[in-house]
Amino acid sequence: MILLRALLVAVLVSVGPAVALVTSAGSATSVVAPPGDTIVDITGDAANGFEIRHYDGSSIYPPTDSEALAECREYDRRVARVRCRTEVLTWYRDLAATQQALDWAHQAGSA
């Protein structure tokens, strides 16, 4: 569960600066590359697994929703299991929304 929380934090933090910053000094324009851990693409889905690609070329593969939910069943207390399932479902919902936003941004950028 800690891995899922860390991945969610990485997604939420990285999406903000996903577009390269452009600065201009006089007539010269320079492009500043985003941090290497900036998310540039998300492919897949919760059932089959996501791939999260970063600007530096690295990728991470969070567990599928069924794997994550199976981990939730390992908690002893019902409240902990419910909390874990809620976190997993929220995380995958937000990951899919981020994927959709990136797809839209990529389409808008190519127009």
C-alpha atoms as a PDB file:
ATOM      1  CA  MET A   1       0.000   0.000   0.000  1.00  0.00           C
ATOM      2  CA  ILE A   2       2.936   2.296   0.678  1.00  0.00           C
ATOM      3  CA  LEU A   3       4.056   1.742  -2.930  1.00  0.00           C
ATOM      4  CA  LEU A   4       0.644   2.843  -4.208  1.00  0.00           C
ATOM      5  CA  ARG A   5       0.726   5.974  -2.076  1.00  0.00           C
ATOM      6  CA  ALA A   6       4.234   6.813  -3.275  1.00  0.00           C
ATOM      7  CA  LEU A   7       3.193   6.327  -6.902  1.00  0.00           C
ATOM      8  CA  LEU A   8       0.115   8.525  -6.445  1.00  0.00           C
ATOM      9  CA  VAL A   9       2.236  11.283  -4.936  1.00  0.00           C
ATOM     10  CA  ALA A  10       4.690  10.961  -7.835  1.00  0.00           C
ATOM     11  CA  VAL A  11       1.842  11.224 -10.354  1.00  0.00           C
ATOM     12  CA  LEU A  12       0.249  14.241  -8.710  1.00  0.00           C
ATOM     13  CA  VAL A  13       3.548  16.073  -8.205  1.00  0.00           C
ATOM     14  CA  SER A  14       4.878  15.340 -11.688  1.00  0.00           C
ATOM     15  CA  VAL A  15       1.811  16.257 -13.704  1.00  0.00           C
ATOM     16  CA  GLY A  16       2.012  19.944 -12.736  1.00  0.00           C
ATOM     17  CA  PRO A  17       5.297  20.733 -14.558  1.00  0.00           C
ATOM     18  CA  ALA A  18       4.630  18.323 -17.448  1.00  0.00           C
ATOM     19  CA  VAL A  19       5.051  21.063 -20.056  1.00  0.00           C
ATOM     20  CA  ALA A  20       8.518  22.454 -20.736  1.00  0.00           C
ATOM     21  CA  LEU A  21       9.039  25.984 -19.475  1.00  0.00           C
ATOM     22  CA  VAL A  22       9.837  28.608 -22.071  1.00  0.00           C
ATOM     23  CA  THR A  23      11.671  31.741 -21.061  1.00  0.00           C
ATOM     24  CA  SER A  24      12.706  34.683 -23.183  1.00  0.00           C
ATOM     25  CA  ALA A  25      15.655  36.979 -22.613  1.00  0.00           C
ATOM     26  CA  GLY A  26      15.516  39.856 -25.061  1.00  0.00           C
ATOM     27  CA  SER A  27      15.137  38.343 -28.524  1.00  0.00           C
ATOM     28  CA  ALA A  28      16.596  34.942 -27.606  1.00  0.00           C
ATOM     29  CA  THR A  29      14.242  32.187 -26.446  1.00  0.00           C
ATOM     30  CA  SER A  30      15.471  29.190 -24.500  1.00  0.00           C
ATOM     31  CA  VAL A  31      13.587  26.050 -23.578  1.00  0.00           C
ATOM     32  CA  VAL A  32      14.168  24.644 -20.109  1.00  0.00           C
ATOM     33  CA  ALA A  33      13.649  20.892 -19.919  1.00  0.00           C
ATOM     34  CA  PRO A  34      11.327  19.617 -17.183  1.00  0.00           C
ATOM     35  CA  PRO A  35      12.667  17.489 -14.320  1.00  0.00           C
ATOM     36  CA  GLY A  36      13.469  13.917 -15.334  1.00  0.00           C
ATOM     37  CA  ASP A  37      10.672  12.450 -13.211  1.00  0.00           C
ATOM     38  CA  THR A  38       7.992  14.473 -15.019  1.00  0.00           C
ATOM     39  CA  ILE A  39       5.284  12.173 -16.371  1.00  0.00           C
ATOM     40  CA  VAL A  40       5.029  12.396 -20.145  1.00  0.00           C
ATOM     41  CA  ASP A  41       2.727   9.476 -20.942  1.00  0.00           C
ATOM     42  CA  ILE A  42       0.495   6.876 -19.318  1.00  0.00           C
ATOM     43  CA  THR A  43      -0.636   3.803 -21.213  1.00  0.00           C
ATOM     44  CA  GLY A  44      -2.753   0.814 -20.245  1.00  0.00           C
ATOM     45  CA  ASP A  45      -5.640   0.454 -17.852  1.00  0.00           C
ATOM     46  CA  ALA A  46      -6.321  -0.681 -14.300  1.00  0.00           C
ATOM     47  CA  ALA A  47      -7.321  -4.233 -15.232  1.00  0.00           C
ATOM     48  CA  ASN A  48      -4.282  -4.961 -17.414  1.00  0.00           C
ATOM     49  CA  GLY A  49      -1.776  -2.640 -15.774  1.00  0.00           C
ATOM     50  CA  PHE A  50      -0.535   0.871 -16.431  1.00  0.00           C
ATOM     51  CA  GLU A  51       2.831   2.040 -17.692  1.00  0.00           C
ATOM     52  CA  ILE A  52       3.892   5.479 -16.493  1.00  0.00           C
ATOM     53  CA  ARG A  53       6.675   6.990 -18.640  1.00  0.00           C
ATOM     54  CA  HIS A  54       8.872   9.847 -17.455  1.00  0.00           C
ATOM     55  CA  TYR A  55      10.749  12.563 -19.309  1.00  0.00           C
ATOM     56  CA  ASP A  56      14.115  10.936 -18.514  1.00  0.00           C
ATOM     57  CA  GLY A  57      13.021   7.738 -20.316  1.00  0.00           C
ATOM     58  CA  SER A  58      12.356   5.670 -17.204  1.00  0.00           C
ATOM     59  CA  SER A  59       9.071   3.841 -16.681  1.00  0.00           C
ATOM     60  CA  ILE A  60       7.188   2.421 -13.724  1.00  0.00           C
ATOM     61  CA  TYR A  61       4.532  -0.263 -13.733  1.00  0.00           C
ATOM     62  CA  PRO A  62       2.121  -0.129 -10.790  1.00  0.00           C
ATOM     63  CA  PRO A  63       0.322  -3.367  -9.919  1.00  0.00           C
ATOM     64  CA  THR A  64      -2.978  -4.126 -11.637  1.00  0.00           C
ATOM     65  CA  ASP A  65      -6.122  -3.268  -9.724  1.00  0.00           C
ATOM     66  CA  SER A  66      -6.748  -6.939  -8.919  1.00  0.00           C
ATOM     67  CA  GLU A  67      -3.226  -7.317  -7.498  1.00  0.00           C
ATOM     68  CA  ALA A  68      -3.606  -4.170  -5.414  1.00  0.00           C
ATOM     69  CA  LEU A  69      -7.045  -5.213  -4.162  1.00  0.00           C
ATOM     70  CA  ALA A  70      -5.677  -8.663  -3.284  1.00  0.00           C
ATOM     71  CA  GLU A  71      -3.090  -6.932  -1.124  1.00  0.00           C
ATOM     72  CA  CYS A  72      -5.931  -5.147   0.670  1.00  0.00           C
ATOM     73  CA  ARG A  73      -7.430  -8.499   1.696  1.00  0.00           C
ATOM     74  CA  GLU A  74      -4.312  -9.179   3.768  1.00  0.00           C
ATOM     75  CA  TYR A  75      -5.303  -6.593   6.393  1.00  0.00           C
ATOM     76  CA  ASP A  76      -6.786  -8.083   9.572  1.00  0.00           C
ATOM     77  CA  ARG A  77      -9.320  -5.405  10.434  1.00  0.00           C
ATOM     78  CA  ARG A  78     -12.341  -4.712   8.228  1.00  0.00           C
ATOM     79  CA  VAL A  79     -11.843  -0.939   8.522  1.00  0.00           C
ATOM     80  CA  ALA A  80      -8.286  -1.265   7.213  1.00  0.00           C
ATOM     81  CA  ARG A  81      -9.463  -3.436   4.284  1.00  0.00           C
ATOM     82  CA  VAL A  82     -12.182  -0.920   3.357  1.00  0.00           C
ATOM     83  CA  ARG A  83      -9.739   1.991   3.599  1.00  0.00           C
ATOM     84  CA  CYS A  84      -7.220   0.145   1.421  1.00  0.00           C
ATOM     85  CA  ARG A  85      -9.838  -0.696  -1.246  1.00  0.00           C
ATOM     86  CA  THR A  86     -11.021   2.919  -1.280  1.00  0.00           C
ATOM     87  CA  GLU A  87      -7.453   4.167  -1.716  1.00  0.00           C
ATOM     88  CA  VAL A  88      -6.820   1.684  -4.554  1.00  0.00           C
ATOM     89  CA  LEU A  89     -10.014   2.585  -6.411  1.00  0.00           C
ATOM     90  CA  THR A  90      -9.367   6.311  -5.975  1.00  0.00           C
ATOM     91  CA  TRP A  91      -5.761   5.939  -7.122  1.00  0.00           C
ATOM     92  CA  TYR A  92      -6.724   4.086 -10.306  1.00  0.00           C
ATOM     93  CA  ARG A  93      -9.566   6.527 -11.027  1.00  0.00           C
ATOM     94  CA  ASP A  94      -7.107   9.431 -10.730  1.00  0.00           C
ATOM     95  CA  LEU A  95      -4.495   7.623 -12.810  1.00  0.00           C
ATOM     96  CA  ALA A  96      -7.055   7.116 -15.612  1.00  0.00           C
ATOM     97  CA  ALA A  97      -8.050  10.803 -15.392  1.00  0.00           C
ATOM     98  CA  THR A  98      -4.380  11.825 -15.640  1.00  0.00           C
ATOM     99  CA  GLN A  99      -3.980   9.524 -18.644  1.00  0.00           C
ATOM    100  CA  GLN A 100      -6.947  11.216 -20.328  1.00  0.00           C
ATOM    101  CA  ALA A 101      -5.558  14.688 -19.559  1.00  0.00           C
ATOM    102  CA  LEU A 102      -2.151  13.786 -21.014  1.00  0.00           C
ATOM    103  CA  ASP A 103      -3.800  12.382 -24.154  1.00  0.00           C
ATOM    104  CA  TRP A 104      -5.750  15.616 -24.563  1.00  0.00           C
ATOM    105  CA  ALA A 105      -2.619  17.740 -23.980  1.00  0.00           C
ATOM    106  CA  HIS A 106      -0.657  15.726 -26.555  1.00  0.00           C
ATOM    107  CA  GLN A 107      -3.450  16.198 -29.137  1.00  0.00           C
ATOM    108  CA  ALA A 108      -3.715  19.931 -28.417  1.00  0.00           C
ATOM    109  CA  GLY A 109       0.057  20.319 -28.669  1.00  0.00           C
ATOM    110  CA  SER A 110       0.215  18.741 -32.110  1.00  0.00           C
ATOM    111  CA  ALA A 111      -2.511  20.965 -33.571  1.00  0.00           C
END
